[in-house]
Amino acid sequence: MLPASLRAGTAWAAVLAALVVAVLGVRYAGNSRPGRLDTRISAAVDGVGPPWRQVALVLDFLGEPAGSVLVITAAVTCCLLLRRPRAAVLVGVGVGATVGAATLLKHLAGRTIHGDGNLSYPSGHTAYLTALALVAALATTGRLGLGRTAGTSLVLAAALVAGAAMGWAEVALGAHYPTDALGGCCTALAVTPATAWLVDAAAGRPARRSADAGRRVPR
């Protein structure tokens, strides 16, 4: 799930993303007010009317429990039909680990929005959709045998597009600040590739043991 050609690029992206998550988390820890960047972006995006509000509501639904179950079930089914069991595992484990990390970070940062006590940083919805897009991009890269440049570009582009789409929806609906969405996207960039590497390692060890078991030891 994580081709060797992508390991260096995704590792650097993960480190930078983790730094962004940490910096923003410290900056807005225990805060409920928007930053200067939040104010500028929210002024242009918040309160969109139809038909864009309906689009935002659909994207938001995809990150809700009912919507996410439907999407993940469909993704796992597609992976199994394409005979990609490792991709199916990563859909569940990778997305689950990313959302779990976002939830933990919410409690650590303690940032709220609208003064109603709802934890907002990082955005779990944005982390979820970005992680799902990363899994799809990694699977596509492996399927097509893309090289380092093309594969890394596809993975990063998928993360940015998915993060921007869900981030826009959450800000437009007033559910998150823009920096919450950025933190969610970066959380996925930090967690999902690492989870893909762990899935590969776990799946590879039994195969290596089986291969070693079949070898005859010279005497």
C-alpha atoms as a PDB file:
ATOM      1  CA  MET A   1       0.000   0.000   0.000  1.00  0.00           C
ATOM      2  CA  LEU A   2       2.976   2.326   0.407  1.00  0.00           C
ATOM      3  CA  PRO A   3       5.273   1.780  -2.585  1.00  0.00           C
ATOM      4  CA  ALA A   4       8.987   2.145  -1.923  1.00  0.00           C
ATOM      5  CA  SER A   5       9.143   5.051  -4.375  1.00  0.00           C
ATOM      6  CA  LEU A   6       6.746   7.060  -2.186  1.00  0.00           C
ATOM      7  CA  ARG A   7       8.254   6.390   1.214  1.00  0.00           C
ATOM      8  CA  ALA A   8      10.694   9.309   1.264  1.00  0.00           C
ATOM      9  CA  GLY A   9       8.220  11.845  -0.097  1.00  0.00           C
ATOM     10  CA  THR A  10       5.359  10.812   2.162  1.00  0.00           C
ATOM     11  CA  ALA A  11       7.699  10.678   5.159  1.00  0.00           C
ATOM     12  CA  TRP A  12       8.757  14.302   4.638  1.00  0.00           C
ATOM     13  CA  ALA A  13       5.136  15.323   4.073  1.00  0.00           C
ATOM     14  CA  ALA A  14       4.123  13.512   7.256  1.00  0.00           C
ATOM     15  CA  VAL A  15       6.804  15.262   9.312  1.00  0.00           C
ATOM     16  CA  LEU A  16       5.846  18.701   7.981  1.00  0.00           C
ATOM     17  CA  ALA A  17       2.158  17.951   8.507  1.00  0.00           C
ATOM     18  CA  ALA A  18       2.786  16.837  12.089  1.00  0.00           C
ATOM     19  CA  LEU A  19       4.668  20.078  12.747  1.00  0.00           C
ATOM     20  CA  VAL A  20       1.749  22.117  11.396  1.00  0.00           C
ATOM     21  CA  VAL A  21      -0.677  20.187  13.605  1.00  0.00           C
ATOM     22  CA  ALA A  22       1.518  20.756  16.659  1.00  0.00           C
ATOM     23  CA  VAL A  23       2.091  24.463  16.006  1.00  0.00           C
ATOM     24  CA  LEU A  24      -1.584  25.209  15.400  1.00  0.00           C
ATOM     25  CA  GLY A  25      -2.588  23.068  18.371  1.00  0.00           C
ATOM     26  CA  VAL A  26      -0.316  25.026  20.699  1.00  0.00           C
ATOM     27  CA  ARG A  27      -1.353  28.342  19.152  1.00  0.00           C
ATOM     28  CA  TYR A  28      -5.078  27.793  19.645  1.00  0.00           C
ATOM     29  CA  ALA A  29      -5.062  25.532  22.711  1.00  0.00           C
ATOM     30  CA  GLY A  30      -7.911  26.330  25.058  1.00  0.00           C
ATOM     31  CA  ASN A  31      -9.087  29.149  22.784  1.00  0.00           C
ATOM     32  CA  SER A  32     -12.522  29.737  21.299  1.00  0.00           C
ATOM     33  CA  ARG A  33     -11.789  32.795  19.191  1.00  0.00           C
ATOM     34  CA  PRO A  34     -10.840  32.763  15.509  1.00  0.00           C
ATOM     35  CA  GLY A  35      -7.387  33.817  14.434  1.00  0.00           C
ATOM     36  CA  ARG A  36      -6.715  36.537  11.892  1.00  0.00           C
ATOM     37  CA  LEU A  37      -6.550  34.026   9.041  1.00  0.00           C
ATOM     38  CA  ASP A  38      -9.752  32.383  10.272  1.00  0.00           C
ATOM     39  CA  THR A  39     -11.574  35.705  10.227  1.00  0.00           C
ATOM     40  CA  ARG A  40     -10.508  36.566   6.688  1.00  0.00           C
ATOM     41  CA  ILE A  41     -11.365  33.199   5.172  1.00  0.00           C
ATOM     42  CA  SER A  42     -14.590  32.747   7.117  1.00  0.00           C
ATOM     43  CA  ALA A  43     -15.839  36.151   5.990  1.00  0.00           C
ATOM     44  CA  ALA A  44     -15.613  34.992   2.375  1.00  0.00           C
ATOM     45  CA  VAL A  45     -16.960  31.475   2.878  1.00  0.00           C
ATOM     46  CA  ASP A  46     -19.320  31.432   5.849  1.00  0.00           C
ATOM     47  CA  GLY A  47     -23.053  31.476   5.246  1.00  0.00           C
ATOM     48  CA  VAL A  48     -23.155  30.389   1.589  1.00  0.00           C
ATOM     49  CA  GLY A  49     -26.592  30.166  -0.019  1.00  0.00           C
ATOM     50  CA  PRO A  50     -28.141  27.574  -2.325  1.00  0.00           C
ATOM     51  CA  PRO A  51     -27.109  25.558  -4.220  1.00  0.00           C
ATOM     52  CA  TRP A  52     -23.676  25.601  -2.568  1.00  0.00           C
ATOM     53  CA  ARG A  53     -25.124  25.160   0.881  1.00  0.00           C
ATOM     54  CA  GLN A  54     -26.680  21.875  -0.255  1.00  0.00           C
ATOM     55  CA  VAL A  55     -23.284  20.766  -1.560  1.00  0.00           C
ATOM     56  CA  ALA A  56     -21.740  21.631   1.802  1.00  0.00           C
ATOM     57  CA  LEU A  57     -24.448  19.694   3.622  1.00  0.00           C
ATOM     58  CA  VAL A  58     -23.838  16.608   1.460  1.00  0.00           C
ATOM     59  CA  LEU A  59     -20.096  16.733   2.159  1.00  0.00           C
ATOM     60  CA  ASP A  60     -20.763  17.210   5.852  1.00  0.00           C
ATOM     61  CA  PHE A  61     -23.092  14.183   5.857  1.00  0.00           C
ATOM     62  CA  LEU A  62     -20.301  12.035   4.406  1.00  0.00           C
ATOM     63  CA  GLY A  63     -18.322  12.723   7.568  1.00  0.00           C
ATOM     64  CA  GLU A  64     -21.181  11.964   9.939  1.00  0.00           C
ATOM     65  CA  PRO A  65     -21.440   8.436  11.440  1.00  0.00           C
ATOM     66  CA  ALA A  66     -24.185   7.279   9.055  1.00  0.00           C
ATOM     67  CA  GLY A  67     -22.548   8.748   5.981  1.00  0.00           C
ATOM     68  CA  SER A  68     -19.058   7.548   6.853  1.00  0.00           C
ATOM     69  CA  VAL A  69     -20.308   3.988   7.404  1.00  0.00           C
ATOM     70  CA  LEU A  70     -21.915   3.998   3.963  1.00  0.00           C
ATOM     71  CA  VAL A  71     -18.798   5.380   2.277  1.00  0.00           C
ATOM     72  CA  ILE A  72     -16.364   3.058   4.044  1.00  0.00           C
ATOM     73  CA  THR A  73     -18.573   0.027   3.377  1.00  0.00           C
ATOM     74  CA  ALA A  74     -18.697   0.922  -0.311  1.00  0.00           C
ATOM     75  CA  ALA A  75     -14.927   1.484  -0.421  1.00  0.00           C
ATOM     76  CA  VAL A  76     -14.140  -1.824   1.309  1.00  0.00           C
ATOM     77  CA  THR A  77     -16.532  -3.661  -1.013  1.00  0.00           C
ATOM     78  CA  CYS A  78     -14.853  -2.140  -4.089  1.00  0.00           C
ATOM     79  CA  CYS A  79     -11.413  -3.134  -2.801  1.00  0.00           C
ATOM     80  CA  LEU A  80     -12.526  -6.716  -2.229  1.00  0.00           C
ATOM     81  CA  LEU A  81     -14.180  -6.918  -5.656  1.00  0.00           C
ATOM     82  CA  LEU A  82     -10.909  -5.700  -7.189  1.00  0.00           C
ATOM     83  CA  ARG A  83      -9.043  -8.331  -5.145  1.00  0.00           C
ATOM     84  CA  ARG A  84      -7.154  -5.756  -3.116  1.00  0.00           C
ATOM     85  CA  PRO A  85      -7.588  -7.081   0.439  1.00  0.00           C
ATOM     86  CA  ARG A  86      -4.711  -5.001   1.777  1.00  0.00           C
ATOM     87  CA  ALA A  87      -6.374  -1.842   0.463  1.00  0.00           C
ATOM     88  CA  ALA A  88      -9.611  -2.918   2.148  1.00  0.00           C
ATOM     89  CA  VAL A  89      -7.751  -3.273   5.446  1.00  0.00           C
ATOM     90  CA  LEU A  90      -6.170   0.152   5.035  1.00  0.00           C
ATOM     91  CA  VAL A  91      -9.553   1.751   4.399  1.00  0.00           C
ATOM     92  CA  GLY A  92     -10.722   0.621   7.809  1.00  0.00           C
ATOM     93  CA  VAL A  93      -7.486   0.856   9.762  1.00  0.00           C
ATOM     94  CA  GLY A  94      -6.074   3.980   8.103  1.00  0.00           C
ATOM     95  CA  VAL A  95      -9.241   6.035   8.255  1.00  0.00           C
ATOM     96  CA  GLY A  96     -10.004   4.771  11.758  1.00  0.00           C
ATOM     97  CA  ALA A  97      -6.526   5.637  13.033  1.00  0.00           C
ATOM     98  CA  THR A  98      -6.716   9.101  11.502  1.00  0.00           C
ATOM     99  CA  VAL A  99     -10.121   9.884  12.993  1.00  0.00           C
ATOM    100  CA  GLY A 100      -8.968   8.473  16.323  1.00  0.00           C
ATOM    101  CA  ALA A 101      -5.887  10.694  16.274  1.00  0.00           C
ATOM    102  CA  ALA A 102      -8.026  13.737  15.433  1.00  0.00           C
ATOM    103  CA  THR A 103     -10.364  12.949  18.321  1.00  0.00           C
ATOM    104  CA  LEU A 104      -7.453  12.625  20.750  1.00  0.00           C
ATOM    105  CA  LEU A 105      -5.961  15.898  19.518  1.00  0.00           C
ATOM    106  CA  LYS A 106      -9.296  17.650  20.050  1.00  0.00           C
ATOM    107  CA  HIS A 107      -9.150  16.827  23.745  1.00  0.00           C
ATOM    108  CA  LEU A 108      -5.485  17.778  24.004  1.00  0.00           C
ATOM    109  CA  ALA A 109      -5.937  21.136  22.260  1.00  0.00           C
ATOM    110  CA  GLY A 110      -9.251  21.981  23.901  1.00  0.00           C
ATOM    111  CA  ARG A 111     -10.170  24.545  21.264  1.00  0.00           C
ATOM    112  CA  THR A 112     -13.879  25.329  21.002  1.00  0.00           C
ATOM    113  CA  ILE A 113     -16.061  27.258  18.580  1.00  0.00           C
ATOM    114  CA  HIS A 114     -19.096  29.505  19.070  1.00  0.00           C
ATOM    115  CA  GLY A 115     -18.656  29.282  22.831  1.00  0.00           C
ATOM    116  CA  ASP A 116     -20.843  26.185  23.044  1.00  0.00           C
ATOM    117  CA  GLY A 117     -18.128  23.845  24.300  1.00  0.00           C
ATOM    118  CA  ASN A 118     -17.826  21.846  21.072  1.00  0.00           C
ATOM    119  CA  LEU A 119     -14.203  20.851  20.487  1.00  0.00           C
ATOM    120  CA  SER A 120     -13.148  22.014  17.045  1.00  0.00           C
ATOM    121  CA  TYR A 121      -9.397  21.506  16.504  1.00  0.00           C
ATOM    122  CA  PRO A 122      -8.566  19.592  14.400  1.00  0.00           C
ATOM    123  CA  SER A 123     -11.579  18.970  12.167  1.00  0.00           C
ATOM    124  CA  GLY A 124     -12.473  15.287  12.298  1.00  0.00           C
ATOM    125  CA  HIS A 125     -14.587  15.565   9.147  1.00  0.00           C
ATOM    126  CA  THR A 126     -11.649  16.971   7.194  1.00  0.00           C
ATOM    127  CA  ALA A 127      -9.257  14.381   8.598  1.00  0.00           C
ATOM    128  CA  TYR A 128     -11.683  11.606   7.624  1.00  0.00           C
ATOM    129  CA  LEU A 129     -12.178  12.622   3.991  1.00  0.00           C
ATOM    130  CA  THR A 130      -8.481  13.413   3.516  1.00  0.00           C
ATOM    131  CA  ALA A 131      -7.526   9.992   4.879  1.00  0.00           C
ATOM    132  CA  LEU A 132      -9.992   8.300   2.541  1.00  0.00           C
ATOM    133  CA  ALA A 133      -8.570  10.214  -0.426  1.00  0.00           C
ATOM    134  CA  LEU A 134      -5.029   9.250   0.600  1.00  0.00           C
ATOM    135  CA  VAL A 135      -5.946   5.569   0.727  1.00  0.00           C
ATOM    136  CA  ALA A 136      -7.495   5.820  -2.750  1.00  0.00           C
ATOM    137  CA  ALA A 137      -4.438   7.631  -4.113  1.00  0.00           C
ATOM    138  CA  LEU A 138      -2.014   5.108  -2.603  1.00  0.00           C
ATOM    139  CA  ALA A 139      -4.028   2.218  -4.026  1.00  0.00           C
ATOM    140  CA  THR A 140      -4.114   3.876  -7.452  1.00  0.00           C
ATOM    141  CA  THR A 141      -0.381   4.543  -7.384  1.00  0.00           C
ATOM    142  CA  GLY A 142       0.356   0.901  -6.641  1.00  0.00           C
ATOM    143  CA  ARG A 143      -2.180  -0.343  -9.176  1.00  0.00           C
ATOM    144  CA  LEU A 144      -0.771   1.791 -11.999  1.00  0.00           C
ATOM    145  CA  GLY A 145       2.850   1.396 -10.962  1.00  0.00           C
ATOM    146  CA  LEU A 146       3.443   5.144 -10.921  1.00  0.00           C
ATOM    147  CA  GLY A 147       6.940   6.448 -10.292  1.00  0.00           C
ATOM    148  CA  ARG A 148       8.135   8.637  -7.452  1.00  0.00           C
ATOM    149  CA  THR A 149       7.241  12.017  -8.955  1.00  0.00           C
ATOM    150  CA  ALA A 150       3.867  11.047 -10.422  1.00  0.00           C
ATOM    151  CA  GLY A 151       2.884   8.953  -7.424  1.00  0.00           C
ATOM    152  CA  THR A 152       3.850  11.557  -4.831  1.00  0.00           C
ATOM    153  CA  SER A 153       2.084  14.275  -6.818  1.00  0.00           C
ATOM    154  CA  LEU A 154      -1.088  12.182  -7.000  1.00  0.00           C
ATOM    155  CA  VAL A 155      -1.060  11.445  -3.267  1.00  0.00           C
ATOM    156  CA  LEU A 156      -0.493  15.068  -2.251  1.00  0.00           C
ATOM    157  CA  ALA A 157      -3.031  16.376  -4.765  1.00  0.00           C
ATOM    158  CA  ALA A 158      -5.676  13.947  -3.509  1.00  0.00           C
ATOM    159  CA  ALA A 159      -5.053  15.050   0.074  1.00  0.00           C
ATOM    160  CA  LEU A 160      -5.230  18.742  -0.792  1.00  0.00           C
ATOM    161  CA  VAL A 161      -8.388  18.432  -2.897  1.00  0.00           C
ATOM    162  CA  ALA A 162     -10.227  16.329  -0.313  1.00  0.00           C
ATOM    163  CA  GLY A 163      -9.040  18.501   2.568  1.00  0.00           C
ATOM    164  CA  ALA A 164     -10.010  21.693   0.774  1.00  0.00           C
ATOM    165  CA  ALA A 165     -13.448  20.349  -0.189  1.00  0.00           C
ATOM    166  CA  MET A 166     -14.421  19.151   3.280  1.00  0.00           C
ATOM    167  CA  GLY A 167     -12.712  22.117   4.933  1.00  0.00           C
ATOM    168  CA  TRP A 168     -14.738  24.510   2.777  1.00  0.00           C
ATOM    169  CA  ALA A 169     -17.952  22.694   3.705  1.00  0.00           C
ATOM    170  CA  GLU A 170     -17.227  22.797   7.434  1.00  0.00           C
ATOM    171  CA  VAL A 171     -16.297  26.487   7.378  1.00  0.00           C
ATOM    172  CA  ALA A 172     -19.275  27.357   5.168  1.00  0.00           C
ATOM    173  CA  LEU A 173     -21.612  25.646   7.626  1.00  0.00           C
ATOM    174  CA  GLY A 174     -19.964  27.368  10.571  1.00  0.00           C
ATOM    175  CA  ALA A 175     -18.898  24.077  12.135  1.00  0.00           C
ATOM    176  CA  HIS A 176     -15.153  24.780  12.103  1.00  0.00           C
ATOM    177  CA  TYR A 177     -12.581  27.496  11.695  1.00  0.00           C
ATOM    178  CA  PRO A 178     -10.301  27.308   8.627  1.00  0.00           C
ATOM    179  CA  THR A 179      -7.333  26.452  10.850  1.00  0.00           C
ATOM    180  CA  ASP A 180      -9.346  23.524  12.234  1.00  0.00           C
ATOM    181  CA  ALA A 181      -9.736  22.221   8.683  1.00  0.00           C
ATOM    182  CA  LEU A 182      -6.017  22.693   8.001  1.00  0.00           C
ATOM    183  CA  GLY A 183      -5.211  20.774  11.157  1.00  0.00           C
ATOM    184  CA  GLY A 184      -7.542  17.948  10.098  1.00  0.00           C
ATOM    185  CA  CYS A 185      -5.967  17.671   6.660  1.00  0.00           C
ATOM    186  CA  CYS A 186      -2.469  17.639   8.140  1.00  0.00           C
ATOM    187  CA  THR A 187      -3.492  15.018  10.707  1.00  0.00           C
ATOM    188  CA  ALA A 188      -4.435  12.684   7.865  1.00  0.00           C
ATOM    189  CA  LEU A 189      -1.184  13.425   6.040  1.00  0.00           C
ATOM    190  CA  ALA A 190       0.764  12.536   9.166  1.00  0.00           C
ATOM    191  CA  VAL A 191      -1.155   9.398  10.170  1.00  0.00           C
ATOM    192  CA  THR A 192      -2.427   7.654   7.024  1.00  0.00           C
ATOM    193  CA  PRO A 193       0.903   6.992   5.222  1.00  0.00           C
ATOM    194  CA  ALA A 194       2.407   5.715   8.479  1.00  0.00           C
ATOM    195  CA  THR A 195      -0.571   3.383   8.898  1.00  0.00           C
ATOM    196  CA  ALA A 196      -0.107   2.154   5.321  1.00  0.00           C
ATOM    197  CA  TRP A 197       3.513   1.297   6.129  1.00  0.00           C
ATOM    198  CA  LEU A 198       2.396  -0.616   9.232  1.00  0.00           C
ATOM    199  CA  VAL A 199      -0.211  -2.543   7.220  1.00  0.00           C
ATOM    200  CA  ASP A 200       2.475  -3.494   4.697  1.00  0.00           C
ATOM    201  CA  ALA A 201       4.846  -4.571   7.464  1.00  0.00           C
ATOM    202  CA  ALA A 202       2.198  -6.670   9.190  1.00  0.00           C
ATOM    203  CA  ALA A 203       1.142  -8.321   5.922  1.00  0.00           C
ATOM    204  CA  GLY A 204       4.715  -8.931   4.808  1.00  0.00           C
ATOM    205  CA  ARG A 205       6.004 -10.709   7.894  1.00  0.00           C
ATOM    206  CA  PRO A 206       3.840 -13.820   7.572  1.00  0.00           C
ATOM    207  CA  ALA A 207       4.756 -14.119   3.899  1.00  0.00           C
ATOM    208  CA  ARG A 208       8.439 -13.951   4.701  1.00  0.00           C
ATOM    209  CA  ARG A 209       8.092 -16.547   7.438  1.00  0.00           C
ATOM    210  CA  SER A 210       6.252 -18.857   5.059  1.00  0.00           C
ATOM    211  CA  ALA A 211       8.932 -18.447   2.433  1.00  0.00           C
ATOM    212  CA  ASP A 212      11.672 -19.125   4.956  1.00  0.00           C
ATOM    213  CA  ALA A 213       9.851 -22.194   6.241  1.00  0.00           C
ATOM    214  CA  GLY A 214       9.822 -23.730   2.777  1.00  0.00           C
ATOM    215  CA  ARG A 215      13.584 -23.479   2.295  1.00  0.00           C
ATOM    216  CA  ARG A 216      15.779 -26.488   2.912  1.00  0.00           C
ATOM    217  CA  VAL A 217      18.624 -25.876   5.303  1.00  0.00           C
ATOM    218  CA  PRO A 218      21.897 -27.177   3.848  1.00  0.00           C
ATOM    219  CA  ARG A 219      23.816 -29.698   5.935  1.00  0.00           C
END
